[in-house]
Protein backbone atom coordinates (compact mmCIF):
# COMPACT_ATOMS: atom_id res chain seq x y z
CA UNK A 1 20.76 153.16 168.86
CA UNK A 2 23.42 155.81 168.30
CA UNK A 3 22.68 157.37 171.68
CA UNK A 4 22.69 153.97 173.44
CA UNK A 5 26.03 153.03 171.86
CA UNK A 6 27.43 156.39 172.98
CA UNK A 7 26.13 155.86 176.53
CA UNK A 8 27.73 152.41 176.67
CA UNK A 9 31.01 153.87 175.41
CA UNK A 10 30.86 156.61 178.06
CA UNK A 11 30.17 154.02 180.78
CA UNK A 12 32.99 151.58 179.96
CA UNK A 13 35.70 153.84 178.54
CA UNK A 14 37.35 157.16 179.35
CA UNK A 15 36.58 159.74 176.66
CA UNK A 16 39.96 161.10 175.50
CA UNK A 17 38.57 164.35 174.05
CA UNK A 18 35.35 165.35 175.88
CA UNK A 19 35.71 169.10 175.17
CA UNK A 20 36.41 168.60 171.48
CA UNK A 21 33.55 166.10 171.28
CA UNK A 22 31.05 168.63 172.65
CA UNK A 23 32.28 171.28 170.20
CA UNK A 24 32.05 168.92 167.22
CA UNK A 25 28.56 167.74 168.24
CA UNK A 26 27.42 171.38 168.40
CA UNK A 27 28.43 172.10 164.80
CA UNK A 28 27.31 168.68 163.56
CA UNK A 29 23.85 169.33 165.02
CA UNK A 30 23.59 172.72 163.33
CA UNK A 31 24.64 171.20 159.98
CA UNK A 32 22.13 168.36 160.51
CA UNK A 33 19.28 170.81 161.10
CA UNK A 34 20.15 172.72 157.92
CA UNK A 35 20.30 169.44 155.99
CA UNK A 36 16.87 168.43 157.28
CA UNK A 37 15.55 171.78 156.04
CA UNK A 38 16.09 170.55 152.47
CA UNK A 39 13.40 167.94 153.10
CA UNK A 40 10.73 170.36 154.34
CA UNK A 41 8.07 172.51 152.71
CA UNK A 42 8.25 176.25 153.46
CA UNK A 43 4.47 176.65 153.97
CA UNK A 44 4.55 173.95 156.64
CA UNK A 45 7.58 175.54 158.28
CA UNK A 46 5.93 178.99 158.36
CA UNK A 47 2.63 177.62 159.67
CA UNK A 48 4.25 175.66 162.49
CA UNK A 49 6.75 178.41 163.26
CA UNK A 50 4.12 181.15 163.47
CA UNK A 51 2.01 179.31 166.04
CA UNK A 52 5.07 177.80 167.71
CA UNK A 53 6.54 181.21 168.48
CA UNK A 54 3.54 182.05 170.68
CA UNK A 55 3.47 178.65 172.40
CA UNK A 56 7.18 178.77 173.11
CA UNK A 57 6.98 182.29 174.54
CA UNK A 58 4.36 181.17 177.08
CA UNK A 59 6.21 177.91 177.74
CA UNK A 60 9.55 179.65 178.33
CA UNK A 61 8.06 182.13 180.81
CA UNK A 62 6.32 179.25 182.61
CA UNK A 63 9.49 177.12 182.78
CA UNK A 64 11.67 179.99 184.04
CA UNK A 65 9.22 180.88 186.82
CA UNK A 66 8.61 177.28 187.93
CA UNK A 67 12.33 176.45 187.62
CA UNK A 68 13.26 179.36 189.89
CA UNK A 69 10.70 178.27 192.49
CA UNK A 70 11.82 174.62 192.40
CA UNK A 71 15.48 175.70 192.61
CA UNK A 72 14.74 177.63 195.80
CA UNK A 73 12.63 174.77 197.16
CA UNK A 74 15.43 172.18 196.80
CA UNK A 75 18.18 174.70 197.76
CA UNK A 76 20.15 174.77 194.49
CA UNK A 77 22.63 177.66 194.21
CA UNK A 78 21.35 180.62 192.22
CA UNK A 79 23.55 180.36 189.10
CA UNK A 80 23.19 176.60 188.48
CA UNK A 81 19.47 176.93 189.21
CA UNK A 82 19.12 179.70 186.60
CA UNK A 83 21.16 177.74 184.04
CA UNK A 84 19.08 174.57 184.51
CA UNK A 85 15.86 176.59 184.27
CA UNK A 86 17.06 178.37 181.12
CA UNK A 87 18.25 175.13 179.53
CA UNK A 88 14.88 173.50 180.21
CA UNK A 89 12.94 176.55 179.03
CA UNK A 90 14.74 177.24 175.74
CA UNK A 91 17.02 174.67 174.16
CA UNK A 92 19.22 172.80 176.58
CA UNK A 93 22.96 172.98 176.14
CA UNK A 94 22.85 175.81 173.59
CA UNK A 95 20.97 178.09 175.98
CA UNK A 96 23.28 177.23 178.87
CA UNK A 97 26.34 177.91 176.69
CA UNK A 98 24.91 181.31 175.70
CA UNK A 99 23.70 182.45 179.13
CA UNK A 100 26.48 180.96 181.28
CA UNK A 101 29.19 183.52 180.43
CA UNK A 102 26.67 186.35 180.83
CA UNK A 103 25.91 185.41 184.45
CA UNK A 104 29.58 184.67 185.20
CA UNK A 105 29.06 180.92 185.70
CA UNK A 106 32.13 178.90 186.66
CA UNK A 107 33.26 175.84 184.70
CA UNK A 108 31.91 173.56 187.46
CA UNK A 109 28.52 175.31 187.42
CA UNK A 110 28.37 174.96 183.62
CA UNK A 111 29.31 171.27 183.85
CA UNK A 112 26.68 170.56 186.49
CA UNK A 113 23.95 172.28 184.47
CA UNK A 114 24.95 170.65 181.18
CA UNK A 115 25.21 167.24 182.82
CA UNK A 116 21.69 167.56 184.22
CA UNK A 117 20.23 168.62 180.88
CA UNK A 118 22.06 166.00 178.79
CA UNK A 119 20.99 163.23 181.20
CA UNK A 120 17.32 164.20 180.82
CA UNK A 121 17.73 164.58 177.04
CA UNK A 122 18.83 160.97 176.82
CA UNK A 123 15.84 159.81 178.85
CA UNK A 124 13.45 161.85 176.69
CA UNK A 125 14.87 160.60 173.41
CA UNK A 126 14.44 156.98 174.52
CA UNK A 127 11.01 157.28 176.18
CA UNK A 128 8.97 159.97 174.37
CA UNK A 129 8.19 157.98 171.18
CA UNK A 130 6.95 155.03 173.28
CA UNK A 131 4.81 157.34 175.46
CA UNK A 132 3.40 159.07 172.36
CA UNK A 133 2.45 155.72 170.84
CA UNK A 134 0.90 154.53 174.12
CA UNK A 135 -1.19 157.73 174.37
CA UNK A 136 -2.09 157.50 170.65
CA UNK A 137 -0.87 161.04 169.94
CA UNK A 138 -1.15 162.18 166.34
CA UNK A 139 2.08 163.05 164.57
CA UNK A 140 1.30 166.76 164.87
CA UNK A 141 0.53 166.42 168.57
CA UNK A 142 3.72 164.48 169.19
CA UNK A 143 5.84 166.96 167.24
CA UNK A 144 4.44 169.81 169.34
CA UNK A 145 4.96 167.92 172.59
CA UNK A 146 8.54 166.98 171.75
CA UNK A 147 9.35 170.56 170.70
CA UNK A 148 7.93 172.03 173.91
CA UNK A 149 9.02 169.41 176.45
CA UNK A 150 12.43 168.09 175.33
CA UNK A 151 15.47 170.24 176.05
CA UNK A 152 18.01 169.94 173.22
CA UNK A 153 17.32 170.28 169.51
CA UNK A 154 19.16 167.00 168.83
CA UNK A 155 16.80 164.99 171.05
CA UNK A 156 13.70 166.78 169.71
CA UNK A 157 14.70 165.99 166.12
CA UNK A 158 15.69 162.42 167.02
CA UNK A 159 12.46 161.63 168.89
CA UNK A 160 10.29 163.32 166.23
CA UNK A 161 12.06 161.50 163.39
CA UNK A 162 11.40 158.21 165.19
CA UNK A 163 7.67 159.06 165.39
CA UNK A 164 7.17 160.04 161.74
CA UNK A 165 7.77 162.56 158.93
CA UNK A 166 5.01 164.99 159.97
CA UNK A 167 6.16 164.86 163.60
CA UNK A 168 9.70 165.61 162.40
CA UNK A 169 8.59 168.68 160.41
CA UNK A 170 6.44 170.09 163.23
CA UNK A 171 8.88 169.21 166.00
CA UNK A 172 11.92 170.68 164.25
CA UNK A 173 10.18 173.90 163.22
CA UNK A 174 8.57 174.63 166.60
CA UNK A 175 11.80 173.71 168.37
CA UNK A 176 13.75 176.20 166.24
CA UNK A 177 11.14 178.86 167.05
CA UNK A 178 11.82 178.03 170.71
CA UNK A 179 15.58 178.25 170.11
CA UNK A 180 15.23 181.79 168.73
CA UNK A 181 14.43 182.91 172.27
CA UNK A 182 18.10 182.41 173.15
CA UNK A 183 18.78 185.90 171.85
CA UNK A 184 16.18 187.98 173.77
CA UNK A 185 16.63 185.95 176.98
CA UNK A 186 20.43 186.30 176.81
CA UNK A 187 20.15 190.02 176.03
CA UNK A 188 17.70 190.51 178.90
CA UNK A 189 20.02 188.64 181.26
CA UNK A 190 23.00 190.71 180.09
CA UNK A 191 21.10 193.96 180.76
CA UNK A 192 20.03 192.74 184.19
CA UNK A 193 23.57 191.61 185.09
CA UNK A 194 25.25 194.60 183.37
CA UNK A 195 27.31 192.11 181.37
CA UNK A 196 29.16 193.00 178.16
CA UNK A 197 29.63 189.38 177.05
CA UNK A 198 29.19 188.91 173.29
CA UNK A 199 25.84 187.33 172.37
CA UNK A 200 25.92 184.24 170.11
CA UNK A 201 23.30 184.41 167.35
CA UNK A 202 21.75 181.09 166.17
CA UNK A 203 22.50 181.65 162.46
CA UNK A 204 21.84 178.02 161.57
CA UNK A 205 18.08 178.66 162.00
CA UNK A 206 18.23 181.17 159.12
CA UNK A 207 20.02 178.61 156.95
CA UNK A 208 17.37 176.01 157.86
CA UNK A 209 14.66 178.40 156.57
CA UNK A 210 16.66 179.09 153.39
CA UNK A 211 16.97 175.34 152.81
CA UNK A 212 13.18 174.99 153.10
CA UNK A 213 12.78 177.89 150.62
CA UNK A 214 15.07 176.12 148.15
CA UNK A 215 13.21 172.82 148.51
CA UNK A 216 9.84 174.53 148.01
CA UNK A 217 10.57 176.97 145.15
CA UNK A 218 13.95 176.12 143.56
CA UNK A 219 13.75 172.76 141.79
CA UNK A 220 11.26 171.27 144.29
CA UNK A 221 11.69 167.55 144.88
CA UNK A 222 15.23 167.56 143.50
CA UNK A 223 17.25 164.39 144.12
CA UNK A 224 20.09 166.63 145.35
CA UNK A 225 17.87 167.99 148.13
CA UNK A 226 16.97 164.43 149.10
CA UNK A 227 20.67 163.63 149.43
CA UNK A 228 21.24 166.71 151.61
CA UNK A 229 18.28 165.77 153.82
CA UNK A 230 19.65 162.22 154.18
CA UNK A 231 23.05 163.67 155.06
CA UNK A 232 21.34 165.73 157.77
CA UNK A 233 19.86 162.57 159.30
CA UNK A 234 23.27 160.87 159.17
CA UNK A 235 24.91 163.83 160.92
CA UNK A 236 22.19 163.68 163.58
CA UNK A 237 23.10 160.04 164.25
CA UNK A 238 26.76 161.00 164.80
CA UNK A 239 25.65 163.89 167.03
CA UNK A 240 23.61 161.61 169.29
CA UNK A 241 26.52 159.18 169.60
CA UNK A 242 28.89 162.00 170.62
CA UNK A 243 26.39 163.32 173.19
CA UNK A 244 25.98 159.86 174.70
CA UNK A 245 29.74 159.28 174.79
CA UNK A 246 30.32 162.38 176.96
CA UNK A 247 27.86 161.19 179.64
CA UNK A 248 30.29 159.17 181.74
CA UNK A 249 29.35 157.95 185.25
CA UNK A 250 31.90 160.41 186.66
CA UNK A 251 30.21 163.32 184.83
CA UNK A 252 26.80 162.27 186.15
CA UNK A 253 28.11 161.91 189.73
CA UNK A 254 29.51 165.42 189.49
CA UNK A 255 26.01 166.79 188.92
CA UNK A 256 24.98 166.04 192.49
CA UNK A 257 21.51 165.25 193.85
CA UNK A 258 20.06 168.75 194.25
CA UNK A 259 20.56 170.12 190.71
CA UNK A 260 19.51 166.73 189.34
CA UNK A 261 16.34 166.85 191.44
CA UNK A 262 15.57 170.39 190.26
CA UNK A 263 16.08 169.37 186.62
CA UNK A 264 13.90 166.27 186.93
CA UNK A 265 11.06 168.02 188.78
CA UNK A 266 11.04 170.96 186.37
CA UNK A 267 11.13 168.67 183.34
CA UNK A 268 8.20 166.59 184.67
CA UNK A 269 6.12 169.72 185.30
CA UNK A 270 6.87 171.13 181.80
CA UNK A 271 6.30 167.78 180.05
CA UNK A 272 3.00 167.05 181.83
CA UNK A 273 1.67 170.62 181.49
CA UNK A 274 2.45 170.83 177.76
CA UNK A 275 1.00 167.35 177.14
CA UNK A 276 -2.24 168.21 178.95
CA UNK A 277 -2.51 171.48 177.00
CA UNK A 278 -2.03 169.64 173.70
CA UNK A 279 -4.54 166.90 174.59
CA UNK A 280 -7.06 169.57 175.65
CA UNK A 281 -6.66 171.38 172.31
CA UNK A 282 -5.21 174.55 173.83
CA UNK A 283 -2.07 173.98 171.78
CA UNK A 284 -2.61 172.86 168.18
CA UNK A 285 -0.48 172.72 165.04
């Protein structure tokens, strides 16, 4: 509902502070993830994270290769193509924001890539829970699928929370394992491009793990932790509204048909491939 209200706002009104809104939503999301950590058990986090790190490594390599091929096939320029592929492979807007300066992307190229990713995030958040229910996916299966096939952390957490508590724990943990790949991918890109741009480290993932440690070993089940976890869910709601509000028709038109086509085709390939692997038992929680 928060995302839909934001989308309606973006469609009928002119956002007065789009840049500030994106910055606030970034920090709100990180705070929300840390807050949700206070509602999770460390053993479950470690178990999902350990297996998720392997799955995400394979998935990221697959998405980058396929994204590059699709970008060439539909004639998307090299930098936007790489940004869309990286955003799909790792964690949406965060990955694009980290890699963009390294490859020397212009503001227009960043906007096109972010617009493509945010558009697909909105679609995923609204459709994945219904598809999971239709396919009778277990909560663990759905959490894995959301973590591997949805771009941004906000939409993974939102879709998983809609599906259930176990899906939320698995989806969030595996998604954060996927987000950790921002660092090596950005470093590898910087070496390849001979860039000296400063790398942004995803420190909020460490704080998420510390929150799970506190909930598991320091006064487990504390009412205070429950309040922090509830605050995390509330911050996620605000985040989704802000993301929806920045998706104006003008911003979507600016994306253009070719990058949008690349993003959609790549997303379909990644979503279908990961779903088939999960249903076949090749990927398990």
